Every structure is written in structure tokens, then in C-alpha cells.
Amino acid sequence: MGSDWPVESLNPFPIIQTGATRRTGPGKEAFFPNQALTLDQMLAGYTRNNAYTEFMEKQVGSLETGKLADLIVLSQDLYKIPAVQIGKTKVLLTMVDGRIVWRSGL
């Protein structure tokens, strides 16, 4: 995902929330709401679409047999919460090449 919007953080979850809601903060009016993306579109932009742009879609970008097992475990199911709560998501665990490399202290 890329943007010409100012970026104050590398945390993708507030950016995913903004892309899905077109709101820049609580109580703010949606900015061009007809340009909102679905959650699937936002997540693809951070995963398989980036792999494709790097010519690495056969190695990374989605969970499939034979691909590198790089993944994160989230504090909430993005598909079961209102889009306005996506920005509060935390990473609980990170795996790189199938090995746990970071775990939240919870």
C-alpha cells in the first residue's frame, strides 16, 4: 500500500482502517467515501500484491504449501470487528520462515 497522505507511523492497522473507512479519525467525516477499499483489498495490498510487485509471488505473499511461512497473529479478527476498530489491532506473535521470532508480553 502506498499513499501521498502524511505518514506518522509504520503501523499498518490505522492505515488499513483509514483505507476501509475513509475517515482520518474518530468523529471525522469520510473523505471521498466512494473510494473506500474493502478489507480484502487492503490486506491484499500488504501481502500478495506486494509480493507480486517484487516478482516473489511464488515464494511469499500468501499462506500456501511451499511458500515461506512468514506471518503474524493478531489481537483481534479483522473480519469480526467494525472497520473503525481496526486501528487498535496489536501483533501478538511474529513468525519468520516458520520460526517464532517475536512474542508479545501480553
PDB file of N, CA and C in Angstrom:
ATOM      1  N   MET A   1       0.851  -1.173   0.000  1.00  0.00           N
ATOM      2  CA  MET A   1       0.000   0.000   0.000  1.00  0.00           C
ATOM      3  C   MET A   1       0.893   1.230   0.000  1.00  0.00           C
ATOM      4  N   GLY A   2       0.483   2.206  -0.727  1.00  0.00           N
ATOM      5  CA  GLY A   2       1.222   3.454  -0.771  1.00  0.00           C
ATOM      6  C   GLY A   2       0.254   4.609  -0.676  1.00  0.00           C
ATOM      7  N   SER A   3       0.779   5.745  -0.347  1.00  0.00           N
ATOM      8  CA  SER A   3      -0.092   6.892  -0.163  1.00  0.00           C
ATOM      9  C   SER A   3       0.683   8.183  -0.327  1.00  0.00           C
ATOM     10  N   ASP A   4      -0.017   9.211  -0.740  1.00  0.00           N
ATOM     11  CA  ASP A   4       0.577  10.543  -0.725  1.00  0.00           C
ATOM     12  C   ASP A   4       0.128  11.276   0.535  1.00  0.00           C
ATOM     13  N   TRP A   5      -0.562  10.565   1.416  1.00  0.00           N
ATOM     14  CA  TRP A   5      -1.035  11.112   2.684  1.00  0.00           C
ATOM     15  C   TRP A   5       0.128  11.092   3.673  1.00  0.00           C
ATOM     16  N   PRO A   6       0.239  12.087   4.562  1.00  0.00           N
ATOM     17  CA  PRO A   6       1.331  12.072   5.543  1.00  0.00           C
ATOM     18  C   PRO A   6       1.301  10.801   6.391  1.00  0.00           C
ATOM     19  N   VAL A   7       2.454  10.234   6.651  1.00  0.00           N
ATOM     20  CA  VAL A   7       2.535   9.008   7.429  1.00  0.00           C
ATOM     21  C   VAL A   7       3.321   9.291   8.697  1.00  0.00           C
ATOM     22  N   GLU A   8       2.681   9.065   9.847  1.00  0.00           N
ATOM     23  CA  GLU A   8       3.347   9.299  11.118  1.00  0.00           C
ATOM     24  C   GLU A   8       3.834   8.010  11.756  1.00  0.00           C
ATOM     25  N   SER A   9       3.409   6.864  11.207  1.00  0.00           N
ATOM     26  CA  SER A   9       3.721   5.587  11.818  1.00  0.00           C
ATOM     27  C   SER A   9       3.838   4.521  10.728  1.00  0.00           C
ATOM     28  N   LEU A  10       4.621   3.501  11.015  1.00  0.00           N
ATOM     29  CA  LEU A  10       4.709   2.367  10.099  1.00  0.00           C
ATOM     30  C   LEU A  10       3.681   1.291  10.454  1.00  0.00           C
ATOM     31  N   ASN A  11       2.891   1.515  11.491  1.00  0.00           N
ATOM     32  CA  ASN A  11       1.853   0.581  11.899  1.00  0.00           C
ATOM     33  C   ASN A  11       0.792   0.514  10.795  1.00  0.00           C
ATOM     34  N   PRO A  12       0.588  -0.648  10.178  1.00  0.00           N
ATOM     35  CA  PRO A  12      -0.352  -0.727   9.064  1.00  0.00           C
ATOM     36  C   PRO A  12      -1.823  -0.675   9.470  1.00  0.00           C
ATOM     37  N   PHE A  13      -2.150  -0.977  10.726  1.00  0.00           N
ATOM     38  CA  PHE A  13      -3.559  -1.103  11.087  1.00  0.00           C
ATOM     39  C   PHE A  13      -4.345   0.207  11.048  1.00  0.00           C
ATOM     40  N   PRO A  14      -3.806   1.330  11.527  1.00  0.00           N
ATOM     41  CA  PRO A  14      -4.531   2.589  11.323  1.00  0.00           C
ATOM     42  C   PRO A  14      -4.683   2.938   9.837  1.00  0.00           C
ATOM     43  N   ILE A  15      -3.701   2.564   9.031  1.00  0.00           N
ATOM     44  CA  ILE A  15      -3.773   2.843   7.594  1.00  0.00           C
ATOM     45  C   ILE A  15      -4.843   1.973   6.944  1.00  0.00           C
ATOM     46  N   ILE A  16      -4.924   0.704   7.346  1.00  0.00           N
ATOM     47  CA  ILE A  16      -5.969  -0.181   6.835  1.00  0.00           C
ATOM     48  C   ILE A  16      -7.339   0.362   7.239  1.00  0.00           C
ATOM     49  N   GLN A  17      -7.455   0.802   8.475  1.00  0.00           N
ATOM     50  CA  GLN A  17      -8.726   1.377   8.947  1.00  0.00           C
ATOM     51  C   GLN A  17      -9.114   2.590   8.113  1.00  0.00           C
ATOM     52  N   THR A  18      -8.170   3.473   7.861  1.00  0.00           N
ATOM     53  CA  THR A  18      -8.451   4.676   7.065  1.00  0.00           C
ATOM     54  C   THR A  18      -8.844   4.308   5.640  1.00  0.00           C
ATOM     55  N   GLY A  19      -8.154   3.343   5.045  1.00  0.00           N
ATOM     56  CA  GLY A  19      -8.481   2.921   3.686  1.00  0.00           C
ATOM     57  C   GLY A  19      -9.865   2.309   3.581  1.00  0.00           C
ATOM     58  N   ALA A  20     -10.272   1.592   4.631  1.00  0.00           N
ATOM     59  CA  ALA A  20     -11.569   0.923   4.623  1.00  0.00           C
ATOM     60  C   ALA A  20     -12.714   1.857   4.998  1.00  0.00           C
ATOM     61  N   THR A  21     -12.423   2.880   5.784  1.00  0.00           N
ATOM     62  CA  THR A  21     -13.486   3.785   6.244  1.00  0.00           C
ATOM     63  C   THR A  21     -13.433   5.162   5.590  1.00  0.00           C
ATOM     64  N   ARG A  22     -12.254   5.521   5.073  1.00  0.00           N
ATOM     65  CA  ARG A  22     -12.000   6.856   4.517  1.00  0.00           C
ATOM     66  C   ARG A  22     -12.174   7.945   5.572  1.00  0.00           C
ATOM     67  N   ARG A  23     -12.015   7.586   6.836  1.00  0.00           N
ATOM     68  CA  ARG A  23     -12.073   8.542   7.947  1.00  0.00           C
ATOM     69  C   ARG A  23     -10.678   8.644   8.571  1.00  0.00           C
ATOM     70  N   THR A  24     -10.240   9.856   8.828  1.00  0.00           N
ATOM     71  CA  THR A  24      -8.897  10.063   9.367  1.00  0.00           C
ATOM     72  C   THR A  24      -8.856  10.088  10.883  1.00  0.00           C
ATOM     73  N   GLY A  25      -9.987   9.921  11.535  1.00  0.00           N
ATOM     74  CA  GLY A  25     -10.033   9.909  12.986  1.00  0.00           C
ATOM     75  C   GLY A  25     -11.445   9.774  13.491  1.00  0.00           C
ATOM     76  N   PRO A  26     -11.591   9.525  14.799  1.00  0.00           N
ATOM     77  CA  PRO A  26     -12.924   9.383  15.386  1.00  0.00           C
ATOM     78  C   PRO A  26     -13.771  10.642  15.177  1.00  0.00           C
ATOM     79  N   GLY A  27     -14.988  10.437  14.744  1.00  0.00           N
ATOM     80  CA  GLY A  27     -15.904  11.545  14.556  1.00  0.00           C
ATOM     81  C   GLY A  27     -15.656  12.369  13.303  1.00  0.00           C
ATOM     82  N   LYS A  28     -14.627  12.037  12.549  1.00  0.00           N
ATOM     83  CA  LYS A  28     -14.329  12.773  11.320  1.00  0.00           C
ATOM     84  C   LYS A  28     -15.250  12.299  10.200  1.00  0.00           C
ATOM     85  N   GLU A  29     -15.566  13.216   9.309  1.00  0.00           N
ATOM     86  CA  GLU A  29     -16.377  12.867   8.149  1.00  0.00           C
ATOM     87  C   GLU A  29     -15.529  12.090   7.149  1.00  0.00           C
ATOM     88  N   ALA A  30     -16.148  11.136   6.471  1.00  0.00           N
ATOM     89  CA  ALA A  30     -15.431  10.339   5.481  1.00  0.00           C
ATOM     90  C   ALA A  30     -14.962  11.224   4.329  1.00  0.00           C
ATOM     91  N   PHE A  31     -13.729  11.018   3.910  1.00  0.00           N
ATOM     92  CA  PHE A  31     -13.105  11.755   2.823  1.00  0.00           C
ATOM     93  C   PHE A  31     -13.232  10.918   1.558  1.00  0.00           C
ATOM     94  N   PHE A  32     -14.002  11.378   0.566  1.00  0.00           N
ATOM     95  CA  PHE A  32     -14.278  10.613  -0.648  1.00  0.00           C
ATOM     96  C   PHE A  32     -14.669   9.173  -0.303  1.00  0.00           C
ATOM     97  N   PRO A  33     -15.798   8.978   0.407  1.00  0.00           N
ATOM     98  CA  PRO A  33     -16.187   7.632   0.853  1.00  0.00           C
ATOM     99  C   PRO A  33     -16.358   6.627  -0.290  1.00  0.00           C
ATOM    100  N   ASN A  34     -16.650   7.104  -1.476  1.00  0.00           N
ATOM    101  CA  ASN A  34     -16.805   6.191  -2.615  1.00  0.00           C
ATOM    102  C   ASN A  34     -15.472   5.570  -3.033  1.00  0.00           C
ATOM    103  N   GLN A  35     -14.364   6.036  -2.470  1.00  0.00           N
ATOM    104  CA  GLN A  35     -13.051   5.470  -2.778  1.00  0.00           C
ATOM    105  C   GLN A  35     -12.570   4.485  -1.711  1.00  0.00           C
ATOM    106  N   ALA A  36     -13.447   4.156  -0.759  1.00  0.00           N
ATOM    107  CA  ALA A  36     -13.071   3.193   0.281  1.00  0.00           C
ATOM    108  C   ALA A  36     -12.766   1.842  -0.350  1.00  0.00           C
ATOM    109  N   LEU A  37     -11.808   1.138   0.230  1.00  0.00           N
ATOM    110  CA  LEU A  37     -11.452  -0.202  -0.219  1.00  0.00           C
ATOM    111  C   LEU A  37     -12.028  -1.220   0.759  1.00  0.00           C
ATOM    112  N   THR A  38     -12.231  -2.432   0.300  1.00  0.00           N
ATOM    113  CA  THR A  38     -12.686  -3.490   1.188  1.00  0.00           C
ATOM    114  C   THR A  38     -11.510  -3.963   2.039  1.00  0.00           C
ATOM    115  N   LEU A  39     -11.826  -4.667   3.109  1.00  0.00           N
ATOM    116  CA  LEU A  39     -10.765  -5.219   3.946  1.00  0.00           C
ATOM    117  C   LEU A  39      -9.912  -6.184   3.129  1.00  0.00           C
ATOM    118  N   ASP A  40     -10.538  -6.992   2.290  1.00  0.00           N
ATOM    119  CA  ASP A  40      -9.771  -7.906   1.425  1.00  0.00           C
ATOM    120  C   ASP A  40      -8.793  -7.137   0.537  1.00  0.00           C
ATOM    121  N   GLN A  41      -9.228  -6.029  -0.034  1.00  0.00           N
ATOM    122  CA  GLN A  41      -8.353  -5.225  -0.891  1.00  0.00           C
ATOM    123  C   GLN A  41      -7.198  -4.630  -0.093  1.00  0.00           C
ATOM    124  N   MET A  42      -7.479  -4.140   1.108  1.00  0.00           N
ATOM    125  CA  MET A  42      -6.428  -3.554   1.941  1.00  0.00           C
ATOM    126  C   MET A  42      -5.397  -4.618   2.341  1.00  0.00           C
ATOM    127  N   LEU A  43      -5.868  -5.797   2.754  1.00  0.00           N
ATOM    128  CA  LEU A  43      -4.939  -6.849   3.169  1.00  0.00           C
ATOM    129  C   LEU A  43      -4.130  -7.371   1.989  1.00  0.00           C
ATOM    130  N   ALA A  44      -4.748  -7.488   0.835  1.00  0.00           N
ATOM    131  CA  ALA A  44      -4.007  -7.910  -0.364  1.00  0.00           C
ATOM    132  C   ALA A  44      -2.909  -6.906  -0.688  1.00  0.00           C
ATOM    133  N   GLY A  45      -3.175  -5.632  -0.454  1.00  0.00           N
ATOM    134  CA  GLY A  45      -2.181  -4.601  -0.710  1.00  0.00           C
ATOM    135  C   GLY A  45      -0.949  -4.729   0.164  1.00  0.00           C
ATOM    136  N   TYR A  46      -1.114  -5.323   1.338  1.00  0.00           N
ATOM    137  CA  TYR A  46       0.015  -5.517   2.252  1.00  0.00           C
ATOM    138  C   TYR A  46       0.664  -6.889   2.122  1.00  0.00           C
ATOM    139  N   THR A  47       0.046  -7.796   1.350  1.00  0.00           N
ATOM    140  CA  THR A  47       0.551  -9.163   1.293  1.00  0.00           C
ATOM    141  C   THR A  47       0.846  -9.579  -0.149  1.00  0.00           C
ATOM    142  N   ARG A  48      -0.092 -10.256  -0.778  1.00  0.00           N
ATOM    143  CA  ARG A  48       0.192 -10.853  -2.099  1.00  0.00           C
ATOM    144  C   ARG A  48       0.464  -9.823  -3.181  1.00  0.00           C
ATOM    145  N   ASN A  49      -0.146  -8.646  -3.126  1.00  0.00           N
ATOM    146  CA  ASN A  49       0.139  -7.637  -4.155  1.00  0.00           C
ATOM    147  C   ASN A  49       1.579  -7.132  -4.061  1.00  0.00           C
ATOM    148  N   ASN A  50       2.076  -6.968  -2.836  1.00  0.00           N
ATOM    149  CA  ASN A  50       3.474  -6.558  -2.672  1.00  0.00           C
ATOM    150  C   ASN A  50       4.422  -7.643  -3.154  1.00  0.00           C
ATOM    151  N   ALA A  51       4.090  -8.895  -2.876  1.00  0.00           N
ATOM    152  CA  ALA A  51       4.928  -9.997  -3.363  1.00  0.00           C
ATOM    153  C   ALA A  51       4.984  -9.984  -4.889  1.00  0.00           C
ATOM    154  N   TYR A  52       3.853  -9.721  -5.516  1.00  0.00           N
ATOM    155  CA  TYR A  52       3.792  -9.674  -6.979  1.00  0.00           C
ATOM    156  C   TYR A  52       4.673  -8.555  -7.536  1.00  0.00           C
ATOM    157  N   THR A  53       4.623  -7.380  -6.909  1.00  0.00           N
ATOM    158  CA  THR A  53       5.425  -6.254  -7.408  1.00  0.00           C
ATOM    159  C   THR A  53       6.917  -6.499  -7.260  1.00  0.00           C
ATOM    160  N   GLU A  54       7.291  -7.402  -6.348  1.00  0.00           N
ATOM    161  CA  GLU A  54       8.702  -7.757  -6.152  1.00  0.00           C
ATOM    162  C   GLU A  54       9.085  -9.020  -6.925  1.00  0.00           C
ATOM    163  N   PHE A  55       8.165  -9.521  -7.776  1.00  0.00           N
ATOM    164  CA  PHE A  55       8.394 -10.756  -8.529  1.00  0.00           C
ATOM    165  C   PHE A  55       8.682 -11.937  -7.603  1.00  0.00           C
ATOM    166  N   MET A  56       8.057 -11.948  -6.411  1.00  0.00           N
ATOM    167  CA  MET A  56       8.289 -13.005  -5.425  1.00  0.00           C
ATOM    168  C   MET A  56       6.998 -13.736  -5.055  1.00  0.00           C
ATOM    169  N   GLU A  57       5.970 -13.628  -5.889  1.00  0.00           N
ATOM    170  CA  GLU A  57       4.681 -14.225  -5.548  1.00  0.00           C
ATOM    171  C   GLU A  57       4.727 -15.747  -5.423  1.00  0.00           C
ATOM    172  N   LYS A  58       5.761 -16.392  -5.966  1.00  0.00           N
ATOM    173  CA  LYS A  58       5.887 -17.850  -5.820  1.00  0.00           C
ATOM    174  C   LYS A  58       6.544 -18.234  -4.498  1.00  0.00           C
ATOM    175  N   GLN A  59       7.165 -17.269  -3.817  1.00  0.00           N
ATOM    176  CA  GLN A  59       7.852 -17.547  -2.557  1.00  0.00           C
ATOM    177  C   GLN A  59       7.121 -16.987  -1.334  1.00  0.00           C
ATOM    178  N   VAL A  60       6.457 -15.844  -1.485  1.00  0.00           N
ATOM    179  CA  VAL A  60       5.834 -15.157  -0.344  1.00  0.00           C
ATOM    180  C   VAL A  60       4.514 -14.519  -0.763  1.00  0.00           C
ATOM    181  N   GLY A  61       3.824 -13.933   0.206  1.00  0.00           N
ATOM    182  CA  GLY A  61       2.637 -13.134  -0.092  1.00  0.00           C
ATOM    183  C   GLY A  61       1.322 -13.785   0.267  1.00  0.00           C
ATOM    184  N   SER A  62       1.320 -15.099   0.445  1.00  0.00           N
ATOM    185  CA  SER A  62       0.107 -15.816   0.854  1.00  0.00           C
ATOM    186  C   SER A  62       0.535 -17.110   1.532  1.00  0.00           C
ATOM    187  N   LEU A  63      -0.373 -17.658   2.322  1.00  0.00           N
ATOM    188  CA  LEU A  63      -0.073 -18.909   3.018  1.00  0.00           C
ATOM    189  C   LEU A  63      -0.436 -20.080   2.113  1.00  0.00           C
ATOM    190  N   GLU A  64       0.602 -20.690   1.556  1.00  0.00           N
ATOM    191  CA  GLU A  64       0.426 -21.828   0.660  1.00  0.00           C
ATOM    192  C   GLU A  64       1.593 -22.786   0.845  1.00  0.00           C
ATOM    193  N   THR A  65       1.346 -24.055   0.574  1.00  0.00           N
ATOM    194  CA  THR A  65       2.396 -25.067   0.650  1.00  0.00           C
ATOM    195  C   THR A  65       3.568 -24.660  -0.241  1.00  0.00           C
ATOM    196  N   GLY A  66       4.774 -24.725   0.327  1.00  0.00           N
ATOM    197  CA  GLY A  66       5.983 -24.414  -0.422  1.00  0.00           C
ATOM    198  C   GLY A  66       6.432 -22.970  -0.308  1.00  0.00           C
ATOM    199  N   LYS A  67       5.584 -22.097   0.239  1.00  0.00           N
ATOM    200  CA  LYS A  67       5.986 -20.696   0.421  1.00  0.00           C
ATOM    201  C   LYS A  67       6.574 -20.504   1.807  1.00  0.00           C
ATOM    202  N   LEU A  68       7.358 -19.430   1.964  1.00  0.00           N
ATOM    203  CA  LEU A  68       7.923 -19.103   3.263  1.00  0.00           C
ATOM    204  C   LEU A  68       6.794 -18.828   4.253  1.00  0.00           C
ATOM    205  N   ALA A  69       6.936 -19.334   5.461  1.00  0.00           N
ATOM    206  CA  ALA A  69       5.894 -19.188   6.469  1.00  0.00           C
ATOM    207  C   ALA A  69       6.165 -17.961   7.330  1.00  0.00           C
ATOM    208  N   ASP A  70       6.053 -16.798   6.753  1.00  0.00           N
ATOM    209  CA  ASP A  70       6.177 -15.545   7.493  1.00  0.00           C
ATOM    210  C   ASP A  70       4.764 -15.059   7.787  1.00  0.00           C
ATOM    211  N   LEU A  71       4.442 -14.902   9.080  1.00  0.00           N
ATOM    212  CA  LEU A  71       3.082 -14.498   9.426  1.00  0.00           C
ATOM    213  C   LEU A  71       3.046 -13.826  10.783  1.00  0.00           C
ATOM    214  N   ILE A  72       1.913 -13.199  11.053  1.00  0.00           N
ATOM    215  CA  ILE A  72       1.686 -12.583  12.353  1.00  0.00           C
ATOM    216  C   ILE A  72       0.355 -13.079  12.904  1.00  0.00           C
ATOM    217  N   VAL A  73       0.245 -13.095  14.231  1.00  0.00           N
ATOM    218  CA  VAL A  73      -1.005 -13.415  14.915  1.00  0.00           C
ATOM    219  C   VAL A  73      -1.501 -12.111  15.523  1.00  0.00           C
ATOM    220  N   LEU A  74      -2.762 -11.797  15.276  1.00  0.00           N
ATOM    221  CA  LEU A  74      -3.322 -10.511  15.696  1.00  0.00           C
ATOM    222  C   LEU A  74      -4.181 -10.632  16.953  1.00  0.00           C
ATOM    223  N   SER A  75      -4.364  -9.513  17.616  1.00  0.00           N
ATOM    224  CA  SER A  75      -5.153  -9.450  18.841  1.00  0.00           C
ATOM    225  C   SER A  75      -6.649  -9.529  18.586  1.00  0.00           C
ATOM    226  N   GLN A  76      -7.074  -9.330  17.359  1.00  0.00           N
ATOM    227  CA  GLN A  76      -8.497  -9.401  17.048  1.00  0.00           C
ATOM    228  C   GLN A  76      -8.690  -9.830  15.599  1.00  0.00           C
ATOM    229  N   ASP A  77      -9.837 -10.423  15.333  1.00  0.00           N
ATOM    230  CA  ASP A  77     -10.182 -10.877  13.989  1.00  0.00           C
ATOM    231  C   ASP A  77     -10.712  -9.683  13.207  1.00  0.00           C
ATOM    232  N   LEU A  78      -9.957  -9.218  12.241  1.00  0.00           N
ATOM    233  CA  LEU A  78     -10.328  -8.022  11.489  1.00  0.00           C
ATOM    234  C   LEU A  78     -11.658  -8.170  10.766  1.00  0.00           C
ATOM    235  N   TYR A  79     -12.065  -9.394  10.495  1.00  0.00           N
ATOM    236  CA  TYR A  79     -13.325  -9.636   9.794  1.00  0.00           C
ATOM    237  C   TYR A  79     -14.532  -9.663  10.737  1.00  0.00           C
ATOM    238  N   LYS A  80     -14.286  -9.633  12.053  1.00  0.00           N
ATOM    239  CA  LYS A  80     -15.390  -9.706  13.015  1.00  0.00           C
ATOM    240  C   LYS A  80     -15.575  -8.433  13.829  1.00  0.00           C
ATOM    241  N   ILE A  81     -14.820  -7.407  13.515  1.00  0.00           N
ATOM    242  CA  ILE A  81     -14.931  -6.147  14.252  1.00  0.00           C
ATOM    243  C   ILE A  81     -15.371  -5.046  13.290  1.00  0.00           C
ATOM    244  N   PRO A  82     -15.958  -3.974  13.822  1.00  0.00           N
ATOM    245  CA  PRO A  82     -16.268  -2.832  12.954  1.00  0.00           C
ATOM    246  C   PRO A  82     -14.972  -2.238  12.389  1.00  0.00           C
ATOM    247  N   ALA A  83     -15.025  -1.795  11.163  1.00  0.00           N
ATOM    248  CA  ALA A  83     -13.836  -1.242  10.496  1.00  0.00           C
ATOM    249  C   ALA A  83     -13.205  -0.103  11.290  1.00  0.00           C
ATOM    250  N   VAL A  84     -13.996   0.632  12.057  1.00  0.00           N
ATOM    251  CA  VAL A  84     -13.458   1.757  12.827  1.00  0.00           C
ATOM    252  C   VAL A  84     -12.606   1.301  14.009  1.00  0.00           C
ATOM    253  N   GLN A  85     -12.536  -0.011  14.270  1.00  0.00           N
ATOM    254  CA  GLN A  85     -11.710  -0.532  15.364  1.00  0.00           C
ATOM    255  C   GLN A  85     -10.437  -1.225  14.869  1.00  0.00           C
ATOM    256  N   ILE A  86     -10.228  -1.280  13.569  1.00  0.00           N
ATOM    257  CA  ILE A  86      -9.054  -1.963  13.018  1.00  0.00           C
ATOM    258  C   ILE A  86      -7.759  -1.337  13.520  1.00  0.00           C
ATOM    259  N   GLY A  87      -7.730  -0.029  13.654  1.00  0.00           N
ATOM    260  CA  GLY A  87      -6.517   0.671  14.074  1.00  0.00           C
ATOM    261  C   GLY A  87      -6.031   0.296  15.458  1.00  0.00           C
ATOM    262  N   LYS A  88      -6.878  -0.321  16.283  1.00  0.00           N
ATOM    263  CA  LYS A  88      -6.495  -0.730  17.638  1.00  0.00           C
ATOM    264  C   LYS A  88      -5.846  -2.110  17.676  1.00  0.00           C
ATOM    265  N   THR A  89      -5.720  -2.757  16.535  1.00  0.00           N
ATOM    266  CA  THR A  89      -5.173  -4.111  16.451  1.00  0.00           C
ATOM    267  C   THR A  89      -3.697  -4.120  16.861  1.00  0.00           C
ATOM    268  N   LYS A  90      -3.329  -5.149  17.595  1.00  0.00           N
ATOM    269  CA  LYS A  90      -1.939  -5.347  18.029  1.00  0.00           C
ATOM    270  C   LYS A  90      -1.427  -6.676  17.475  1.00  0.00           C
ATOM    271  N   VAL A  91      -0.132  -6.752  17.258  1.00  0.00           N
ATOM    272  CA  VAL A  91       0.508  -8.002  16.855  1.00  0.00           C
ATOM    273  C   VAL A  91       0.894  -8.749  18.125  1.00  0.00           C
ATOM    274  N   LEU A  92       0.465 -10.019  18.235  1.00  0.00           N
ATOM    275  CA  LEU A  92       0.767 -10.830  19.405  1.00  0.00           C
ATOM    276  C   LEU A  92       1.961 -11.753  19.193  1.00  0.00           C
ATOM    277  N   LEU A  93       2.209 -12.130  17.927  1.00  0.00           N
ATOM    278  CA  LEU A  93       3.270 -13.077  17.634  1.00  0.00           C
ATOM    279  C   LEU A  93       3.722 -12.876  16.198  1.00  0.00           C
ATOM    280  N   THR A  94       5.021 -13.013  15.958  1.00  0.00           N
ATOM    281  CA  THR A  94       5.579 -12.910  14.608  1.00  0.00           C
ATOM    282  C   THR A  94       6.395 -14.159  14.309  1.00  0.00           C
ATOM    283  N   MET A  95       6.126 -14.748  13.137  1.00  0.00           N
ATOM    284  CA  MET A  95       6.897 -15.904  12.674  1.00  0.00           C
ATOM    285  C   MET A  95       7.596 -15.547  11.367  1.00  0.00           C
ATOM    286  N   VAL A  96       8.861 -15.934  11.258  1.00  0.00           N
ATOM    287  CA  VAL A  96       9.630 -15.747  10.031  1.00  0.00           C
ATOM    288  C   VAL A  96      10.211 -17.104   9.658  1.00  0.00           C
ATOM    289  N   ASP A  97       9.958 -17.503   8.432  1.00  0.00           N
ATOM    290  CA  ASP A  97      10.414 -18.803   7.928  1.00  0.00           C
ATOM    291  C   ASP A  97       9.984 -19.948   8.847  1.00  0.00           C
ATOM    292  N   GLY A  98       8.770 -19.813   9.408  1.00  0.00           N
ATOM    293  CA  GLY A  98       8.207 -20.872  10.238  1.00  0.00           C
ATOM    294  C   GLY A  98       8.675 -20.882  11.680  1.00  0.00           C
ATOM    295  N   ARG A  99       9.497 -19.917  12.087  1.00  0.00           N
ATOM    296  CA  ARG A  99      10.010 -19.848  13.465  1.00  0.00           C
ATOM    297  C   ARG A  99       9.480 -18.605  14.160  1.00  0.00           C
ATOM    298  N   ILE A 100       9.105 -18.746  15.424  1.00  0.00           N
ATOM    299  CA  ILE A 100       8.667 -17.589  16.213  1.00  0.00           C
ATOM    300  C   ILE A 100       9.885 -16.718  16.484  1.00  0.00           C
ATOM    301  N   VAL A 101       9.805 -15.456  16.056  1.00  0.00           N
ATOM    302  CA  VAL A 101      10.917 -14.524  16.275  1.00  0.00           C
ATOM    303  C   VAL A 101      10.557 -13.400  17.239  1.00  0.00           C
ATOM    304  N   TRP A 102       9.257 -13.276  17.523  1.00  0.00           N
ATOM    305  CA  TRP A 102       8.827 -12.247  18.485  1.00  0.00           C
ATOM    306  C   TRP A 102       7.475 -12.654  19.062  1.00  0.00           C
ATOM    307  N   ARG A 103       7.311 -12.392  20.358  1.00  0.00           N
ATOM    308  CA  ARG A 103       6.056 -12.686  21.032  1.00  0.00           C
ATOM    309  C   ARG A 103       5.752 -11.543  21.996  1.00  0.00           C
ATOM    310  N   SER A 104       4.512 -11.091  21.992  1.00  0.00           N
ATOM    311  CA  SER A 104       4.091 -10.022  22.882  1.00  0.00           C
ATOM    312  C   SER A 104       4.128 -10.501  24.324  1.00  0.00           C
ATOM    313  N   GLY A 105       4.420  -9.589  25.226  1.00  0.00           N
ATOM    314  CA  GLY A 105       4.386  -9.898  26.647  1.00  0.00           C
ATOM    315  C   GLY A 105       2.962 -10.015  27.169  1.00  0.00           C
ATOM    316  N   LEU A 106       1.987  -9.697  26.301  1.00  0.00           N
ATOM    317  CA  LEU A 106       0.571  -9.710  26.650  1.00  0.00           C
ATOM    318  C   LEU A 106       0.379  -8.895  27.878  1.00  0.00           C
TER     319      LEU A 106
END
